[in-house]
């Protein structure tokens, strides 16, 4: 079952993100999840196996492009289709929101993630991501 993440499950979601190596010291994943759940242009979707949180994906859009962050599946739930199901749910959420394209960022040394996304039909875009801390 995939459904929006309840606010009270944010700590469990952050635990999945940490276990998957998705968090970084300069980002506050608790604040990221709270912001995503609070706004109309974003959410966190959660995959459940029974009552257990098995995976998550944060999805949002800026009115033009959709973005995906924090796709994580519990180690013992991997290779069962949960990641693919979460991505399909995220893409459907974005389609319903009217986003014409989905972008995501993968660290260049994360070969497993790159292979996963390529298998879903994603392609590498010849752009550079620039950032500036505010």
N, C-alpha and C. Protein backbone atom coordinates (compact mmCIF):
# COMPACT_ATOMS: atom_id res chain seq x y z
N UNK A 1 0.84 -1.18 0.00
CA UNK A 1 0.00 0.00 0.00
C UNK A 1 0.89 1.24 0.00
N UNK A 2 0.55 2.21 -0.82
CA UNK A 2 1.26 3.49 -0.85
C UNK A 2 0.27 4.59 -0.51
N UNK A 3 0.68 5.45 0.41
CA UNK A 3 -0.18 6.54 0.89
C UNK A 3 0.71 7.69 1.36
N UNK A 4 0.14 8.89 1.49
CA UNK A 4 0.94 9.98 2.07
C UNK A 4 1.44 9.61 3.46
N UNK A 5 2.65 10.02 3.75
CA UNK A 5 3.26 9.74 5.04
C UNK A 5 2.56 10.56 6.12
N UNK A 6 2.10 9.94 7.20
CA UNK A 6 1.55 10.73 8.31
C UNK A 6 2.68 11.47 9.03
N UNK A 7 2.38 12.65 9.54
CA UNK A 7 3.38 13.47 10.22
C UNK A 7 4.08 12.69 11.32
N UNK A 8 3.33 11.88 12.05
CA UNK A 8 3.93 11.15 13.16
C UNK A 8 4.91 10.07 12.70
N UNK A 9 4.93 9.76 11.40
CA UNK A 9 5.86 8.77 10.89
C UNK A 9 7.14 9.40 10.32
N UNK A 10 7.28 10.72 10.42
CA UNK A 10 8.48 11.38 9.90
C UNK A 10 9.75 10.79 10.51
N UNK A 11 9.85 10.59 11.83
CA UNK A 11 11.09 10.02 12.36
C UNK A 11 11.44 8.65 11.76
N UNK A 12 10.45 7.82 11.51
CA UNK A 12 10.71 6.52 10.90
C UNK A 12 11.20 6.69 9.47
N UNK A 13 10.64 7.65 8.74
CA UNK A 13 11.08 7.93 7.38
C UNK A 13 12.52 8.41 7.38
N UNK A 14 12.85 9.31 8.29
CA UNK A 14 14.22 9.81 8.38
C UNK A 14 15.17 8.66 8.71
N UNK A 15 14.74 7.73 9.54
CA UNK A 15 15.55 6.54 9.82
C UNK A 15 15.85 5.74 8.57
N UNK A 16 14.84 5.59 7.69
CA UNK A 16 15.08 4.91 6.41
C UNK A 16 16.08 5.68 5.56
N UNK A 17 15.94 7.00 5.52
CA UNK A 17 16.83 7.82 4.71
C UNK A 17 18.26 7.73 5.22
N UNK A 18 18.41 7.73 6.54
CA UNK A 18 19.75 7.61 7.11
C UNK A 18 20.34 6.23 6.81
N UNK A 19 19.55 5.18 6.97
CA UNK A 19 20.04 3.82 6.70
C UNK A 19 20.44 3.65 5.24
N UNK A 20 19.74 4.37 4.34
CA UNK A 20 20.04 4.28 2.91
C UNK A 20 21.19 5.20 2.49
N UNK A 21 21.71 5.99 3.42
CA UNK A 21 22.81 6.89 3.11
C UNK A 21 22.40 8.13 2.33
N UNK A 22 21.15 8.54 2.46
CA UNK A 22 20.65 9.68 1.70
C UNK A 22 20.81 11.02 2.41
N UNK A 23 21.04 11.01 3.69
CA UNK A 23 21.11 12.27 4.43
C UNK A 23 22.54 12.81 4.39
N UNK A 24 22.63 14.11 4.54
CA UNK A 24 23.92 14.80 4.58
C UNK A 24 23.88 15.79 5.73
N UNK A 25 25.02 16.07 6.36
CA UNK A 25 25.05 16.95 7.53
C UNK A 25 24.50 18.35 7.27
N UNK A 26 24.58 18.82 6.04
CA UNK A 26 24.12 20.18 5.75
C UNK A 26 22.62 20.27 5.47
N UNK A 27 21.92 19.15 5.43
CA UNK A 27 20.47 19.14 5.26
C UNK A 27 19.82 18.61 6.53
N UNK A 28 18.69 19.17 6.88
CA UNK A 28 17.91 18.70 8.02
C UNK A 28 16.75 17.87 7.48
N UNK A 29 16.85 16.54 7.50
CA UNK A 29 15.81 15.72 6.90
C UNK A 29 14.46 15.84 7.61
N UNK A 30 14.46 16.08 8.92
CA UNK A 30 13.19 16.30 9.61
C UNK A 30 12.48 17.53 9.07
N UNK A 31 13.23 18.62 8.91
CA UNK A 31 12.66 19.85 8.36
C UNK A 31 12.23 19.64 6.91
N UNK A 32 13.03 18.90 6.13
CA UNK A 32 12.66 18.62 4.75
C UNK A 32 11.31 17.91 4.68
N UNK A 33 11.13 16.90 5.50
CA UNK A 33 9.87 16.14 5.50
C UNK A 33 8.71 17.01 5.95
N UNK A 34 8.92 17.79 7.00
CA UNK A 34 7.83 18.67 7.48
C UNK A 34 7.41 19.66 6.40
N UNK A 35 8.39 20.28 5.73
CA UNK A 35 8.07 21.23 4.66
C UNK A 35 7.30 20.54 3.53
N UNK A 36 7.74 19.36 3.15
CA UNK A 36 7.08 18.64 2.05
C UNK A 36 5.64 18.31 2.39
N UNK A 37 5.40 17.92 3.63
CA UNK A 37 4.03 17.56 4.03
C UNK A 37 3.15 18.78 4.26
N UNK A 38 3.75 19.93 4.50
CA UNK A 38 2.98 21.13 4.82
C UNK A 38 2.50 21.89 3.59
N UNK A 39 3.14 21.70 2.45
CA UNK A 39 2.81 22.50 1.29
C UNK A 39 1.95 21.78 0.29
N UNK A 40 1.19 22.53 -0.52
CA UNK A 40 0.33 21.90 -1.53
C UNK A 40 1.09 21.39 -2.76
N UNK A 41 2.35 21.80 -2.91
CA UNK A 41 3.12 21.43 -4.09
C UNK A 41 4.10 20.29 -3.82
N UNK A 42 3.93 19.61 -2.68
CA UNK A 42 4.85 18.52 -2.34
C UNK A 42 4.21 17.58 -1.34
N UNK A 43 4.81 16.41 -1.23
CA UNK A 43 4.37 15.43 -0.24
C UNK A 43 5.47 14.39 -0.06
N UNK A 44 5.29 13.52 0.89
CA UNK A 44 6.12 12.33 1.04
C UNK A 44 5.18 11.15 0.94
N UNK A 45 5.45 10.27 0.00
CA UNK A 45 4.65 9.05 -0.16
C UNK A 45 5.36 7.92 0.56
N UNK A 46 4.59 7.04 1.15
CA UNK A 46 5.14 5.95 1.94
C UNK A 46 4.58 4.62 1.46
N UNK A 47 5.44 3.63 1.37
CA UNK A 47 5.04 2.26 1.05
C UNK A 47 5.01 1.47 2.35
N UNK A 48 3.95 0.74 2.52
CA UNK A 48 3.77 -0.06 3.73
C UNK A 48 3.67 -1.53 3.36
N UNK A 49 4.24 -2.36 4.20
CA UNK A 49 4.04 -3.79 4.16
C UNK A 49 3.32 -4.10 5.46
N UNK A 50 2.04 -4.34 5.36
CA UNK A 50 1.22 -4.40 6.57
C UNK A 50 1.21 -3.03 7.20
N UNK A 51 1.55 -2.95 8.47
CA UNK A 51 1.62 -1.66 9.16
C UNK A 51 3.03 -1.10 9.17
N UNK A 52 3.98 -1.82 8.60
CA UNK A 52 5.39 -1.42 8.64
C UNK A 52 5.75 -0.49 7.50
N UNK A 53 6.46 0.59 7.80
CA UNK A 53 6.98 1.49 6.79
C UNK A 53 8.13 0.79 6.06
N UNK A 54 7.93 0.55 4.76
CA UNK A 54 8.94 -0.17 3.98
C UNK A 54 9.73 0.75 3.06
N UNK A 55 9.17 1.92 2.72
CA UNK A 55 9.87 2.82 1.83
C UNK A 55 9.18 4.16 1.74
N UNK A 56 9.91 5.14 1.21
CA UNK A 56 9.38 6.49 1.05
C UNK A 56 9.93 7.12 -0.22
N UNK A 57 9.25 8.15 -0.66
CA UNK A 57 9.75 9.03 -1.70
C UNK A 57 9.14 10.41 -1.46
N UNK A 58 9.99 11.44 -1.50
CA UNK A 58 9.52 12.82 -1.41
C UNK A 58 9.34 13.31 -2.83
N UNK A 59 8.21 13.94 -3.10
CA UNK A 59 7.90 14.41 -4.44
C UNK A 59 7.31 15.81 -4.37
N UNK A 60 7.67 16.63 -5.33
CA UNK A 60 7.13 17.99 -5.38
C UNK A 60 7.34 18.58 -6.75
N UNK A 61 6.79 19.78 -6.93
CA UNK A 61 6.96 20.46 -8.20
C UNK A 61 7.00 21.96 -7.97
N UNK A 62 7.57 22.64 -8.95
CA UNK A 62 7.67 24.10 -8.88
C UNK A 62 6.71 24.77 -9.85
N UNK A 63 5.75 24.01 -10.37
CA UNK A 63 4.82 24.51 -11.35
C UNK A 63 5.28 24.21 -12.77
N UNK A 64 6.52 23.82 -12.93
CA UNK A 64 7.05 23.51 -14.24
C UNK A 64 7.70 22.12 -14.27
N UNK A 65 8.55 21.86 -13.30
CA UNK A 65 9.25 20.58 -13.23
C UNK A 65 8.91 19.88 -11.91
N UNK A 66 8.80 18.57 -12.01
CA UNK A 66 8.67 17.77 -10.80
C UNK A 66 10.03 17.32 -10.34
N UNK A 67 10.13 17.09 -9.05
CA UNK A 67 11.39 16.64 -8.45
C UNK A 67 11.11 15.50 -7.48
N UNK A 68 12.05 14.59 -7.39
CA UNK A 68 11.97 13.47 -6.46
C UNK A 68 13.22 13.48 -5.59
N UNK A 69 13.00 13.25 -4.31
CA UNK A 69 14.09 13.17 -3.34
C UNK A 69 13.79 12.01 -2.38
N UNK A 70 14.80 11.59 -1.69
CA UNK A 70 14.65 10.64 -0.58
C UNK A 70 13.89 9.36 -0.94
N UNK A 71 14.15 8.81 -2.12
CA UNK A 71 13.60 7.49 -2.41
C UNK A 71 14.43 6.49 -1.61
N UNK A 72 13.79 5.80 -0.70
CA UNK A 72 14.48 4.83 0.15
C UNK A 72 13.57 3.65 0.41
N UNK A 73 14.16 2.48 0.42
CA UNK A 73 13.45 1.24 0.76
C UNK A 73 14.28 0.52 1.81
N UNK A 74 13.61 0.02 2.82
CA UNK A 74 14.29 -0.73 3.89
C UNK A 74 15.09 -1.87 3.28
N UNK A 75 16.26 -2.12 3.83
CA UNK A 75 17.16 -3.14 3.29
C UNK A 75 16.46 -4.48 3.06
N UNK A 76 15.69 -4.93 4.04
CA UNK A 76 15.07 -6.25 3.91
C UNK A 76 13.82 -6.25 3.03
N UNK A 77 13.47 -5.10 2.47
CA UNK A 77 12.32 -5.01 1.57
C UNK A 77 12.74 -4.72 0.13
N UNK A 78 14.04 -4.63 -0.11
CA UNK A 78 14.53 -4.34 -1.45
C UNK A 78 14.35 -5.53 -2.38
N UNK A 79 14.34 -5.24 -3.65
CA UNK A 79 14.19 -6.25 -4.70
C UNK A 79 12.81 -6.90 -4.68
N UNK A 80 11.83 -6.18 -4.12
CA UNK A 80 10.45 -6.69 -4.09
C UNK A 80 9.51 -5.76 -4.85
N UNK A 81 10.05 -4.74 -5.54
CA UNK A 81 9.22 -3.85 -6.33
C UNK A 81 8.75 -2.59 -5.62
N UNK A 82 9.15 -2.40 -4.36
CA UNK A 82 8.68 -1.22 -3.62
C UNK A 82 9.24 0.08 -4.19
N UNK A 83 10.51 0.09 -4.57
CA UNK A 83 11.10 1.29 -5.16
C UNK A 83 10.41 1.68 -6.45
N UNK A 84 10.19 0.70 -7.30
CA UNK A 84 9.49 0.95 -8.57
C UNK A 84 8.07 1.45 -8.30
N UNK A 85 7.37 0.83 -7.36
CA UNK A 85 6.00 1.25 -7.04
C UNK A 85 5.97 2.68 -6.50
N UNK A 86 6.95 3.02 -5.68
CA UNK A 86 7.02 4.39 -5.15
C UNK A 86 7.28 5.39 -6.28
N UNK A 87 8.16 5.04 -7.21
CA UNK A 87 8.42 5.95 -8.33
C UNK A 87 7.20 6.10 -9.22
N UNK A 88 6.47 5.04 -9.46
CA UNK A 88 5.24 5.12 -10.25
C UNK A 88 4.24 6.02 -9.53
N UNK A 89 4.12 5.86 -8.22
CA UNK A 89 3.20 6.70 -7.44
C UNK A 89 3.64 8.17 -7.49
N UNK A 90 4.94 8.42 -7.41
CA UNK A 90 5.45 9.79 -7.48
C UNK A 90 5.17 10.39 -8.86
N UNK A 91 5.38 9.61 -9.92
CA UNK A 91 5.11 10.12 -11.27
C UNK A 91 3.62 10.39 -11.46
N UNK A 92 2.78 9.53 -10.93
CA UNK A 92 1.33 9.76 -11.02
C UNK A 92 0.93 11.01 -10.25
N UNK A 93 1.51 11.21 -9.07
CA UNK A 93 1.23 12.40 -8.28
C UNK A 93 1.59 13.65 -9.08
N UNK A 94 2.76 13.62 -9.73
CA UNK A 94 3.20 14.76 -10.53
C UNK A 94 2.31 14.98 -11.75
N UNK A 95 1.91 13.90 -12.42
CA UNK A 95 1.00 14.04 -13.57
C UNK A 95 -0.30 14.72 -13.14
N UNK A 96 -0.85 14.26 -12.02
CA UNK A 96 -2.09 14.85 -11.51
C UNK A 96 -1.91 16.32 -11.14
N UNK A 97 -0.70 16.70 -10.75
CA UNK A 97 -0.40 18.10 -10.41
C UNK A 97 -0.12 18.93 -11.65
N UNK A 98 -0.02 18.30 -12.82
CA UNK A 98 0.21 19.01 -14.07
C UNK A 98 1.66 19.23 -14.43
N UNK A 99 2.58 18.57 -13.74
CA UNK A 99 4.01 18.73 -14.06
C UNK A 99 4.32 17.97 -15.34
N UNK A 100 4.96 18.61 -16.31
CA UNK A 100 5.26 17.94 -17.58
C UNK A 100 6.53 17.10 -17.59
N UNK A 101 7.38 17.25 -16.58
CA UNK A 101 8.66 16.52 -16.58
C UNK A 101 9.08 16.26 -15.14
N UNK A 102 9.80 15.17 -14.95
CA UNK A 102 10.33 14.81 -13.64
C UNK A 102 11.85 14.84 -13.70
N UNK A 103 12.46 15.54 -12.78
CA UNK A 103 13.91 15.57 -12.63
C UNK A 103 14.28 14.96 -11.29
N UNK A 104 15.46 14.43 -11.21
CA UNK A 104 15.99 13.99 -9.93
C UNK A 104 17.50 14.05 -10.01
N UNK A 105 18.11 14.07 -8.87
CA UNK A 105 19.57 14.13 -8.80
C UNK A 105 20.08 12.85 -8.16
N UNK A 106 21.13 12.30 -8.74
CA UNK A 106 21.79 11.11 -8.21
C UNK A 106 23.27 11.45 -8.12
N UNK A 107 23.85 11.16 -6.98
CA UNK A 107 25.30 11.39 -6.86
C UNK A 107 26.02 10.53 -7.89
N UNK A 108 27.04 11.11 -8.52
CA UNK A 108 27.68 10.47 -9.67
C UNK A 108 28.32 9.13 -9.35
N UNK A 109 28.63 8.85 -8.09
CA UNK A 109 29.24 7.57 -7.73
C UNK A 109 28.23 6.53 -7.26
N UNK A 110 26.93 6.83 -7.36
CA UNK A 110 25.89 5.91 -6.89
C UNK A 110 25.42 5.06 -8.08
N UNK A 111 26.24 4.08 -8.44
CA UNK A 111 25.95 3.25 -9.61
C UNK A 111 24.66 2.45 -9.45
N UNK A 112 24.35 1.99 -8.24
CA UNK A 112 23.12 1.22 -8.04
C UNK A 112 21.90 2.08 -8.34
N UNK A 113 21.89 3.31 -7.84
CA UNK A 113 20.75 4.20 -8.10
C UNK A 113 20.66 4.55 -9.58
N UNK A 114 21.80 4.82 -10.20
CA UNK A 114 21.78 5.14 -11.63
C UNK A 114 21.20 3.99 -12.44
N UNK A 115 21.58 2.77 -12.11
CA UNK A 115 21.03 1.60 -12.80
C UNK A 115 19.54 1.45 -12.56
N UNK A 116 19.11 1.68 -11.34
CA UNK A 116 17.68 1.59 -11.00
C UNK A 116 16.88 2.57 -11.85
N UNK A 117 17.31 3.83 -11.89
CA UNK A 117 16.56 4.84 -12.63
C UNK A 117 16.63 4.61 -14.14
N UNK A 118 17.76 4.15 -14.64
CA UNK A 118 17.84 3.84 -16.08
C UNK A 118 16.85 2.73 -16.44
N UNK A 119 16.70 1.74 -15.55
CA UNK A 119 15.76 0.65 -15.80
C UNK A 119 14.32 1.15 -15.82
N UNK A 120 14.07 2.29 -15.19
CA UNK A 120 12.73 2.89 -15.21
C UNK A 120 12.54 3.85 -16.38
N UNK A 121 13.54 3.97 -17.24
CA UNK A 121 13.41 4.82 -18.41
C UNK A 121 13.99 6.21 -18.27
N UNK A 122 14.67 6.50 -17.17
CA UNK A 122 15.30 7.80 -17.00
C UNK A 122 16.57 7.86 -17.83
N UNK A 123 16.94 9.06 -18.24
CA UNK A 123 18.15 9.27 -19.00
C UNK A 123 18.98 10.35 -18.31
N UNK A 124 20.27 10.30 -18.54
CA UNK A 124 21.16 11.32 -18.00
C UNK A 124 20.99 12.57 -18.85
N UNK A 125 20.80 13.70 -18.18
CA UNK A 125 20.66 14.98 -18.86
C UNK A 125 21.99 15.71 -18.81
N UNK A 126 22.35 16.32 -19.90
CA UNK A 126 23.63 17.00 -19.99
C UNK A 126 23.53 18.41 -19.41
N UNK A 127 23.33 18.49 -18.11
CA UNK A 127 23.26 19.77 -17.40
C UNK A 127 24.13 19.69 -16.16
N UNK A 128 24.44 20.81 -15.60
CA UNK A 128 25.16 20.89 -14.33
C UNK A 128 24.20 21.44 -13.30
N UNK A 129 24.22 20.88 -12.13
CA UNK A 129 23.42 21.41 -11.02
C UNK A 129 24.30 22.36 -10.24
N UNK A 130 23.83 23.59 -10.11
CA UNK A 130 24.54 24.60 -9.34
C UNK A 130 23.76 24.85 -8.06
N UNK A 131 24.43 25.25 -7.02
CA UNK A 131 23.73 25.53 -5.78
C UNK A 131 24.36 26.71 -5.06
N UNK A 132 23.56 27.30 -4.20
CA UNK A 132 24.01 28.41 -3.37
C UNK A 132 23.26 28.30 -2.06
N UNK A 133 23.98 28.24 -0.96
CA UNK A 133 23.34 28.16 0.34
C UNK A 133 22.74 29.51 0.72
N UNK A 134 21.53 29.46 1.24
CA UNK A 134 20.84 30.70 1.63
C UNK A 134 20.83 30.89 3.13
